[in-house]
Amino acid sequence: MPGVYAPAGYAAQRTDGLAIASLVIGIVSIVCSIVCLGVILGPTAAIMGFIARQRIATSGGALGGGALAIVGLILGIVGFLASVGAFFAFALSGAFNSTTT
């Protein structure tokens, strides 16, 4: 019907930028866990996801992206653990030994 508009005063729910950043850094921490960058990026993503989750919960429905924050937090933890595991795998395989004969 022409001339019918949505009621004014209701803004669309915004996605928290910190939740998006947590997700992106969590993905990068998993990708970079081979070169042990997940040790730095993983906790960063987890902390950002935790803070974003708190901000979303206290926003009263004005902010969205709770699922992104949780996934970013989980990916950050997984990236950290994968990076630590990669470090120990390299260390136990003898990759750090410099034997010259």
N, C-alpha and C. Protein backbone atom coordinates (compact mmCIF):
# COMPACT_ATOMS: atom_id res chain seq x y z
N MET A 1 0.84 -1.17 0.00
CA MET A 1 0.00 0.00 0.00
C MET A 1 0.89 1.23 0.00
N PRO A 2 0.70 2.08 -0.93
CA PRO A 2 1.50 3.31 -0.94
C PRO A 2 1.09 4.23 0.20
N GLY A 3 2.06 4.90 0.72
CA GLY A 3 1.81 5.85 1.78
C GLY A 3 1.85 5.26 3.18
N VAL A 4 2.16 3.96 3.33
CA VAL A 4 2.23 3.33 4.64
C VAL A 4 3.71 3.23 5.03
N TYR A 5 4.02 3.77 6.19
CA TYR A 5 5.40 3.80 6.65
C TYR A 5 5.52 3.04 7.97
N ALA A 6 6.74 2.60 8.25
CA ALA A 6 7.00 1.95 9.53
C ALA A 6 6.96 3.00 10.64
N PRO A 7 6.59 2.60 11.84
CA PRO A 7 6.54 3.57 12.93
C PRO A 7 7.92 4.16 13.21
N ALA A 8 7.95 5.45 13.44
CA ALA A 8 9.21 6.13 13.70
C ALA A 8 9.66 5.88 15.15
N GLY A 9 10.94 6.01 15.37
CA GLY A 9 11.46 5.88 16.72
C GLY A 9 12.08 4.53 17.03
N TYR A 10 11.99 3.60 16.14
CA TYR A 10 12.59 2.28 16.37
C TYR A 10 13.77 2.10 15.44
N ALA A 11 14.93 2.02 16.01
CA ALA A 11 16.14 1.83 15.21
C ALA A 11 16.44 0.34 15.12
N ALA A 12 17.04 -0.03 14.03
CA ALA A 12 17.45 -1.42 13.85
C ALA A 12 18.55 -1.76 14.85
N GLN A 13 18.59 -3.01 15.25
CA GLN A 13 19.61 -3.44 16.21
C GLN A 13 20.96 -3.45 15.53
N ARG A 14 21.94 -2.79 16.14
CA ARG A 14 23.29 -2.73 15.58
C ARG A 14 24.12 -3.89 16.10
N THR A 15 25.02 -4.37 15.27
CA THR A 15 25.95 -5.41 15.69
C THR A 15 27.16 -4.74 16.33
N ASP A 16 27.55 -5.25 17.49
CA ASP A 16 28.68 -4.69 18.21
C ASP A 16 29.97 -4.91 17.41
N GLY A 17 30.71 -3.85 17.21
CA GLY A 17 31.95 -3.93 16.44
C GLY A 17 33.01 -4.78 17.13
N LEU A 18 33.00 -4.81 18.43
CA LEU A 18 33.95 -5.62 19.17
C LEU A 18 33.68 -7.11 18.96
N ALA A 19 32.41 -7.47 18.78
CA ALA A 19 32.07 -8.87 18.50
C ALA A 19 32.58 -9.28 17.13
N ILE A 20 32.44 -8.39 16.16
CA ILE A 20 32.94 -8.68 14.81
C ILE A 20 34.46 -8.80 14.84
N ALA A 21 35.13 -7.89 15.53
CA ALA A 21 36.59 -7.94 15.63
C ALA A 21 37.04 -9.22 16.33
N SER A 22 36.32 -9.64 17.35
CA SER A 22 36.66 -10.88 18.05
C SER A 22 36.56 -12.08 17.12
N LEU A 23 35.53 -12.11 16.29
CA LEU A 23 35.37 -13.21 15.35
C LEU A 23 36.50 -13.22 14.32
N VAL A 24 36.82 -12.06 13.77
CA VAL A 24 37.87 -11.99 12.76
C VAL A 24 39.22 -12.38 13.35
N ILE A 25 39.56 -11.86 14.52
CA ILE A 25 40.85 -12.18 15.13
C ILE A 25 40.88 -13.64 15.57
N GLY A 26 39.74 -14.20 15.98
CA GLY A 26 39.69 -15.62 16.31
C GLY A 26 39.99 -16.50 15.11
N ILE A 27 39.43 -16.13 13.95
CA ILE A 27 39.71 -16.89 12.73
C ILE A 27 41.18 -16.78 12.36
N VAL A 28 41.73 -15.57 12.45
CA VAL A 28 43.14 -15.37 12.11
C VAL A 28 44.04 -16.12 13.09
N SER A 29 43.64 -16.22 14.35
CA SER A 29 44.46 -16.93 15.34
C SER A 29 44.54 -18.42 15.01
N ILE A 30 43.47 -18.98 14.48
CA ILE A 30 43.51 -20.39 14.09
C ILE A 30 44.37 -20.56 12.85
N VAL A 31 44.21 -19.68 11.87
CA VAL A 31 45.00 -19.78 10.64
C VAL A 31 46.48 -19.61 10.94
N CYS A 32 46.82 -18.71 11.84
CA CYS A 32 48.23 -18.42 12.15
C CYS A 32 48.77 -19.25 13.31
N SER A 33 48.04 -20.26 13.75
CA SER A 33 48.53 -21.06 14.86
C SER A 33 49.73 -21.92 14.45
N ILE A 34 49.91 -22.15 13.17
CA ILE A 34 51.05 -22.93 12.69
C ILE A 34 52.36 -22.21 13.02
N VAL A 35 52.37 -20.90 12.91
CA VAL A 35 53.58 -20.13 13.20
C VAL A 35 53.54 -19.53 14.61
N CYS A 36 52.71 -20.10 15.47
CA CYS A 36 52.60 -19.75 16.89
C CYS A 36 52.14 -18.32 17.15
N LEU A 37 51.46 -17.69 16.19
CA LEU A 37 50.89 -16.37 16.44
C LEU A 37 49.59 -16.46 17.22
N GLY A 38 49.03 -17.66 17.33
CA GLY A 38 47.82 -17.84 18.11
C GLY A 38 48.02 -17.58 19.58
N VAL A 39 49.27 -17.62 20.04
CA VAL A 39 49.57 -17.33 21.44
C VAL A 39 49.23 -15.88 21.76
N ILE A 40 49.39 -15.01 20.80
CA ILE A 40 49.07 -13.59 21.00
C ILE A 40 47.63 -13.30 20.57
N LEU A 41 47.25 -13.81 19.40
CA LEU A 41 45.94 -13.47 18.84
C LEU A 41 44.79 -14.19 19.55
N GLY A 42 45.03 -15.41 20.03
CA GLY A 42 43.97 -16.18 20.68
C GLY A 42 43.42 -15.51 21.93
N PRO A 43 44.27 -15.16 22.89
CA PRO A 43 43.76 -14.46 24.07
C PRO A 43 43.14 -13.10 23.73
N THR A 44 43.68 -12.44 22.72
CA THR A 44 43.11 -11.16 22.30
C THR A 44 41.66 -11.35 21.84
N ALA A 45 41.44 -12.36 21.00
CA ALA A 45 40.08 -12.64 20.52
C ALA A 45 39.16 -13.06 21.66
N ALA A 46 39.68 -13.87 22.58
CA ALA A 46 38.86 -14.33 23.70
C ALA A 46 38.46 -13.17 24.61
N ILE A 47 39.40 -12.29 24.90
CA ILE A 47 39.09 -11.14 25.76
C ILE A 47 38.11 -10.21 25.07
N MET A 48 38.32 -9.96 23.78
CA MET A 48 37.40 -9.09 23.05
C MET A 48 36.00 -9.70 22.98
N GLY A 49 35.92 -11.02 22.79
CA GLY A 49 34.62 -11.68 22.77
C GLY A 49 33.92 -11.61 24.11
N PHE A 50 34.67 -11.75 25.17
CA PHE A 50 34.10 -11.66 26.52
C PHE A 50 33.57 -10.26 26.80
N ILE A 51 34.36 -9.25 26.46
CA ILE A 51 33.94 -7.87 26.68
C ILE A 51 32.73 -7.53 25.81
N ALA A 52 32.75 -7.98 24.56
CA ALA A 52 31.61 -7.72 23.67
C ALA A 52 30.35 -8.37 24.20
N ARG A 53 30.48 -9.57 24.73
CA ARG A 53 29.31 -10.27 25.28
C ARG A 53 28.73 -9.49 26.45
N GLN A 54 29.58 -8.93 27.31
CA GLN A 54 29.10 -8.13 28.43
C GLN A 54 28.43 -6.85 27.94
N ARG A 55 29.02 -6.20 26.93
CA ARG A 55 28.43 -4.97 26.40
C ARG A 55 27.07 -5.24 25.78
N ILE A 56 26.94 -6.37 25.09
CA ILE A 56 25.67 -6.71 24.45
C ILE A 56 24.61 -7.01 25.51
N ALA A 57 25.01 -7.71 26.56
CA ALA A 57 24.06 -8.06 27.62
C ALA A 57 23.56 -6.83 28.36
N THR A 58 24.41 -5.84 28.53
CA THR A 58 24.01 -4.64 29.28
C THR A 58 23.42 -3.55 28.40
N SER A 59 23.34 -3.77 27.09
CA SER A 59 22.84 -2.73 26.19
C SER A 59 21.32 -2.64 26.17
N GLY A 60 20.64 -3.59 26.75
CA GLY A 60 19.18 -3.56 26.76
C GLY A 60 18.56 -3.83 25.41
N GLY A 61 19.23 -4.58 24.57
CA GLY A 61 18.70 -4.91 23.25
C GLY A 61 19.11 -3.97 22.15
N ALA A 62 19.88 -2.93 22.47
CA ALA A 62 20.32 -1.99 21.43
C ALA A 62 21.44 -2.57 20.58
N LEU A 63 22.23 -3.46 21.15
CA LEU A 63 23.34 -4.08 20.43
C LEU A 63 23.06 -5.55 20.20
N GLY A 64 23.46 -6.03 19.03
CA GLY A 64 23.35 -7.44 18.72
C GLY A 64 24.73 -8.01 18.46
N GLY A 65 24.78 -9.27 18.10
CA GLY A 65 26.05 -9.91 17.80
C GLY A 65 26.55 -10.80 18.91
N GLY A 66 25.66 -11.25 19.78
CA GLY A 66 26.07 -12.13 20.87
C GLY A 66 26.67 -13.43 20.38
N ALA A 67 26.10 -13.98 19.30
CA ALA A 67 26.63 -15.22 18.75
C ALA A 67 28.02 -15.00 18.17
N LEU A 68 28.24 -13.85 17.53
CA LEU A 68 29.56 -13.55 16.98
C LEU A 68 30.59 -13.45 18.10
N ALA A 69 30.19 -12.85 19.21
CA ALA A 69 31.11 -12.69 20.34
C ALA A 69 31.47 -14.05 20.93
N ILE A 70 30.49 -14.94 21.06
CA ILE A 70 30.76 -16.26 21.62
C ILE A 70 31.65 -17.08 20.68
N VAL A 71 31.36 -17.02 19.38
CA VAL A 71 32.18 -17.76 18.41
C VAL A 71 33.60 -17.21 18.39
N GLY A 72 33.75 -15.89 18.46
CA GLY A 72 35.09 -15.29 18.52
C GLY A 72 35.84 -15.71 19.76
N LEU A 73 35.14 -15.77 20.89
CA LEU A 73 35.76 -16.21 22.15
C LEU A 73 36.23 -17.67 22.02
N ILE A 74 35.38 -18.53 21.49
CA ILE A 74 35.73 -19.94 21.35
C ILE A 74 36.88 -20.12 20.36
N LEU A 75 36.82 -19.42 19.23
CA LEU A 75 37.90 -19.54 18.24
C LEU A 75 39.22 -19.01 18.80
N GLY A 76 39.16 -17.99 19.62
CA GLY A 76 40.38 -17.49 20.25
C GLY A 76 41.01 -18.52 21.17
N ILE A 77 40.17 -19.20 21.95
CA ILE A 77 40.68 -20.26 22.83
C ILE A 77 41.26 -21.40 22.01
N VAL A 78 40.54 -21.81 20.97
CA VAL A 78 41.02 -22.91 20.11
C VAL A 78 42.32 -22.51 19.41
N GLY A 79 42.40 -21.26 18.93
CA GLY A 79 43.62 -20.79 18.28
C GLY A 79 44.81 -20.78 19.23
N PHE A 80 44.57 -20.38 20.48
CA PHE A 80 45.64 -20.38 21.48
C PHE A 80 46.11 -21.80 21.74
N LEU A 81 45.17 -22.71 21.97
CA LEU A 81 45.55 -24.10 22.25
C LEU A 81 46.24 -24.75 21.06
N ALA A 82 45.77 -24.45 19.85
CA ALA A 82 46.42 -25.01 18.65
C ALA A 82 47.83 -24.47 18.50
N SER A 83 48.02 -23.22 18.83
CA SER A 83 49.35 -22.62 18.73
C SER A 83 50.31 -23.22 19.76
N VAL A 84 49.82 -23.42 20.97
CA VAL A 84 50.66 -24.06 22.00
C VAL A 84 50.97 -25.49 21.60
N GLY A 85 49.98 -26.18 21.06
CA GLY A 85 50.20 -27.55 20.59
C GLY A 85 51.20 -27.60 19.45
N ALA A 86 51.13 -26.64 18.52
CA ALA A 86 52.08 -26.59 17.42
C ALA A 86 53.49 -26.32 17.93
N PHE A 87 53.60 -25.45 18.93
CA PHE A 87 54.92 -25.16 19.50
C PHE A 87 55.53 -26.42 20.10
N PHE A 88 54.74 -27.15 20.90
CA PHE A 88 55.28 -28.36 21.52
C PHE A 88 55.54 -29.45 20.49
N ALA A 89 54.75 -29.51 19.45
CA ALA A 89 55.00 -30.49 18.38
C ALA A 89 56.33 -30.19 17.69
N PHE A 90 56.59 -28.89 17.43
CA PHE A 90 57.87 -28.52 16.83
C PHE A 90 59.02 -28.79 17.80
N ALA A 91 58.81 -28.50 19.08
CA ALA A 91 59.88 -28.68 20.06
C ALA A 91 60.21 -30.15 20.24
N LEU A 92 59.19 -30.99 20.29
CA LEU A 92 59.44 -32.42 20.50
C LEU A 92 59.96 -33.11 19.25
N SER A 93 59.70 -32.53 18.09
CA SER A 93 60.21 -33.15 16.86
C SER A 93 61.68 -32.83 16.63
N GLY A 94 62.23 -31.93 17.42
CA GLY A 94 63.65 -31.59 17.27
C GLY A 94 63.88 -30.50 16.25
N ALA A 95 62.86 -29.76 15.91
CA ALA A 95 63.01 -28.72 14.90
C ALA A 95 63.87 -27.57 15.41
N PHE A 96 63.98 -27.41 16.73
CA PHE A 96 64.76 -26.32 17.28
C PHE A 96 66.21 -26.71 17.57
N ASN A 97 66.54 -27.97 17.39
CA ASN A 97 67.92 -28.42 17.63
C ASN A 97 68.78 -28.00 16.45
N SER A 98 69.92 -27.44 16.76
CA SER A 98 70.85 -27.05 15.70
C SER A 98 72.11 -27.90 15.87
N THR A 99 72.08 -29.03 15.24
CA THR A 99 73.25 -29.91 15.31
C THR A 99 74.04 -29.75 14.03
N THR A 100 75.25 -29.33 14.19
CA THR A 100 76.14 -29.18 13.02
C THR A 100 77.26 -30.19 13.18
N THR A 101 77.52 -30.86 12.12
CA THR A 101 78.61 -31.86 12.15
C THR A 101 79.71 -31.51 11.22
